[in-house]
Amino acid sequence: MNVLRKKWRNLSSPVRWTLITLFYLALIGGYLLWQYQRPGGAMLYSHNHTDRPIFSYWVNDIWGGNAFANGGGGVVCCSRIEGDTLKVVWIVSLTKTQKTQGLQEERHEMDIPNPPRLRQDDTLHVHFLPNNQVRLAWNRSASSPLKQELDTLYPRKPDDQL
């Protein structure tokens, strides 16, 4: 250690200041590069393709709001959603008709692989499907990449059929 200290002291002052400046620039540059490569915060956007309302849902313990029966949902902003697998937990509620039929509220959870995400993708679309299934998709807008496919498979019913 003394050898390094002697070598450091033998350097001229401008060389020492240049090395100190380069060290801090490399440290700051590394931090900025690390931050740039991390995905930013994301919005959760729910889509409900079932005939029952989603009272509340969470993705990796991040609350996502609710979703109306046979219709859209809402957007909750902004949280960091990371991991190879995402845990989706949701509570299925009831319409007035379903309540009178004696159906009960249900709680479900499912581990789902995190779909591929590009750096500019800032919205995780959570699609609730019949038979307590969930599909996820990343996109950079409020329009889900699964919308056309899922609207064909699960067409929306008019309100009077609910």
Protein backbone atom coordinates (compact mmCIF):
# COMPACT_ATOMS: atom_id res chain seq x y z
CA MET A 1 0.00 0.00 0.00
CA ASN A 2 2.90 2.33 0.75
CA VAL A 3 4.30 1.73 -2.72
CA LEU A 4 1.05 2.93 -4.32
CA ARG A 5 0.93 5.97 -2.06
CA LYS A 6 4.51 6.91 -3.04
CA LYS A 7 3.72 6.50 -6.74
CA TRP A 8 0.58 8.63 -6.32
CA ARG A 9 2.52 11.39 -4.56
CA ASN A 10 5.23 11.33 -7.22
CA LEU A 11 2.66 12.15 -9.93
CA SER A 12 2.32 15.79 -10.85
CA SER A 13 -0.72 17.65 -9.57
CA PRO A 14 -2.40 18.03 -13.02
CA VAL A 15 -2.06 14.27 -13.66
CA ARG A 16 -3.56 13.43 -10.26
CA TRP A 17 -6.51 15.78 -10.84
CA THR A 18 -7.05 14.30 -14.31
CA LEU A 19 -7.11 10.76 -12.87
CA ILE A 20 -9.50 11.80 -10.07
CA THR A 21 -11.82 13.48 -12.61
CA LEU A 22 -11.74 10.43 -14.91
CA PHE A 23 -12.54 8.16 -11.96
CA TYR A 24 -15.64 10.17 -11.02
CA LEU A 25 -16.74 10.50 -14.65
CA ALA A 26 -16.48 6.72 -15.06
CA LEU A 27 -18.46 6.22 -11.85
CA ILE A 28 -21.22 8.63 -12.95
CA GLY A 29 -21.23 7.21 -16.49
CA GLY A 30 -21.60 3.66 -15.19
CA TYR A 31 -24.51 4.68 -12.99
CA LEU A 32 -26.26 6.48 -15.87
CA LEU A 33 -25.74 3.51 -18.17
CA TRP A 34 -27.18 1.19 -15.53
CA GLN A 35 -30.21 3.47 -15.09
CA TYR A 36 -30.74 3.74 -18.84
CA GLN A 37 -30.87 -0.03 -19.24
CA ARG A 38 -33.46 -0.53 -16.47
CA PRO A 39 -37.07 -0.42 -17.61
CA GLY A 40 -38.96 2.54 -16.22
CA GLY A 41 -42.16 2.57 -14.25
CA ALA A 42 -45.18 0.96 -15.84
CA MET A 43 -48.92 1.46 -15.92
CA LEU A 44 -51.31 -1.42 -15.30
CA TYR A 45 -54.25 -1.48 -17.72
CA SER A 46 -57.02 -4.02 -17.07
CA HIS A 47 -59.32 -5.63 -19.65
CA ASN A 48 -62.17 -7.84 -18.47
CA HIS A 49 -63.51 -10.44 -20.94
CA THR A 50 -65.73 -12.18 -18.37
CA ASP A 51 -69.33 -11.65 -17.29
CA ARG A 52 -68.27 -10.91 -13.70
CA PRO A 53 -66.65 -7.72 -12.41
CA ILE A 54 -63.11 -7.81 -11.04
CA PHE A 55 -63.35 -6.14 -7.64
CA SER A 56 -59.60 -5.66 -7.31
CA TYR A 57 -56.34 -7.11 -8.64
CA TRP A 58 -52.60 -7.00 -8.00
CA VAL A 59 -49.53 -7.77 -10.10
CA ASN A 60 -46.51 -8.59 -7.93
CA ASP A 61 -48.30 -6.94 -4.98
CA ILE A 62 -48.88 -3.74 -6.97
CA TRP A 63 -52.56 -2.79 -6.84
CA GLY A 64 -54.13 -2.47 -10.29
CA GLY A 65 -57.65 -1.28 -9.53
CA ASN A 66 -60.78 -3.01 -10.81
CA ALA A 67 -62.43 -4.01 -14.08
CA PHE A 68 -66.11 -3.94 -14.98
CA ALA A 69 -67.93 -7.05 -16.16
CA ASN A 70 -67.81 -7.68 -19.91
CA GLY A 71 -65.94 -4.50 -20.53
CA GLY A 72 -62.92 -2.41 -19.94
CA GLY A 73 -61.09 -1.62 -16.83
CA GLY A 74 -58.89 1.19 -15.79
CA VAL A 75 -55.34 2.40 -15.65
CA VAL A 76 -53.18 2.62 -12.56
CA CYS A 77 -49.84 4.39 -12.81
CA CYS A 78 -46.81 4.02 -12.24
CA SER A 79 -44.87 1.18 -10.63
CA ARG A 80 -41.82 -0.87 -11.41
CA ILE A 81 -42.93 -4.30 -12.60
CA GLU A 82 -40.04 -6.72 -12.95
CA GLY A 83 -39.23 -10.39 -12.82
CA ASP A 84 -39.31 -13.42 -15.07
CA THR A 85 -42.62 -14.46 -13.50
CA LEU A 86 -45.42 -12.15 -12.41
CA LYS A 87 -47.87 -13.09 -9.68
CA VAL A 88 -51.40 -11.94 -10.52
CA VAL A 89 -53.99 -12.00 -7.72
CA TRP A 90 -57.59 -10.97 -8.34
CA ILE A 91 -60.94 -10.92 -6.58
CA VAL A 92 -63.97 -11.72 -8.74
CA SER A 93 -67.01 -9.80 -7.59
CA LEU A 94 -70.71 -10.07 -8.52
CA THR A 95 -73.30 -8.18 -10.49
CA LYS A 96 -76.68 -7.69 -8.79
CA THR A 97 -78.16 -10.53 -10.87
CA GLN A 98 -75.34 -12.88 -9.91
CA LYS A 99 -75.73 -11.96 -6.24
CA THR A 100 -79.43 -12.86 -6.32
CA GLN A 101 -78.51 -16.17 -8.01
CA GLY A 102 -76.39 -17.02 -4.96
CA LEU A 103 -72.91 -16.78 -6.50
CA GLN A 104 -70.05 -15.93 -4.15
CA GLU A 105 -67.06 -13.61 -4.42
CA GLU A 106 -63.90 -15.51 -5.37
CA ARG A 107 -60.17 -14.90 -4.93
CA HIS A 108 -57.68 -16.30 -7.44
CA GLU A 109 -53.97 -16.13 -8.03
CA MET A 110 -51.73 -17.24 -10.82
CA ASP A 111 -48.01 -17.07 -11.64
CA ILE A 112 -47.56 -16.03 -15.27
CA PRO A 113 -44.36 -15.63 -17.29
CA ASN A 114 -43.55 -11.97 -17.83
CA PRO A 115 -44.13 -11.34 -21.56
CA PRO A 116 -41.31 -9.83 -23.64
CA ARG A 117 -40.87 -6.10 -22.99
CA LEU A 118 -39.16 -3.48 -25.10
CA ARG A 119 -37.52 -0.50 -23.41
CA GLN A 120 -40.24 1.90 -24.63
CA ASP A 121 -43.11 -0.34 -23.41
CA ASP A 122 -44.73 1.39 -20.46
CA THR A 123 -48.10 -0.35 -20.14
CA LEU A 124 -48.77 -3.88 -18.91
CA HIS A 125 -52.16 -5.03 -20.21
CA VAL A 126 -53.84 -7.51 -17.88
CA HIS A 127 -56.61 -9.48 -19.62
CA PHE A 128 -59.04 -11.39 -17.40
CA LEU A 129 -60.54 -14.30 -19.34
CA PRO A 130 -63.30 -16.84 -18.66
CA ASN A 131 -62.45 -19.90 -16.55
CA ASN A 132 -60.22 -17.76 -14.30
CA GLN A 133 -57.45 -17.33 -16.83
CA VAL A 134 -55.23 -14.27 -17.30
CA ARG A 135 -53.08 -13.13 -20.21
CA LEU A 136 -50.51 -10.36 -20.09
CA ALA A 137 -48.99 -8.18 -22.81
CA TRP A 138 -46.64 -5.18 -22.84
CA ASN A 139 -47.21 -2.20 -25.12
CA ARG A 140 -46.33 1.47 -25.31
CA SER A 141 -49.93 2.65 -25.48
CA ALA A 142 -53.40 2.09 -24.05
CA SER A 143 -54.13 -0.26 -26.94
CA SER A 144 -53.36 -3.87 -26.12
CA PRO A 145 -51.58 -6.03 -28.71
CA LEU A 146 -54.00 -8.83 -27.72
CA LYS A 147 -57.18 -6.75 -28.23
CA GLN A 148 -58.17 -7.98 -31.69
CA GLU A 149 -57.46 -11.64 -30.91
CA LEU A 150 -59.29 -11.62 -27.57
CA ASP A 151 -62.26 -9.55 -28.80
CA THR A 152 -62.76 -12.21 -31.49
CA LEU A 153 -62.54 -15.09 -29.00
CA TYR A 154 -64.61 -13.35 -26.30
CA PRO A 155 -67.04 -10.90 -27.92
CA ARG A 156 -68.69 -8.44 -25.58
CA LYS A 157 -72.30 -9.02 -24.72
CA PRO A 158 -74.84 -6.21 -24.69
CA ASP A 159 -75.60 -4.88 -21.18
CA ASP A 160 -79.08 -6.40 -21.23
CA GLN A 161 -77.59 -9.94 -21.47
CA LEU A 162 -75.50 -9.58 -18.31
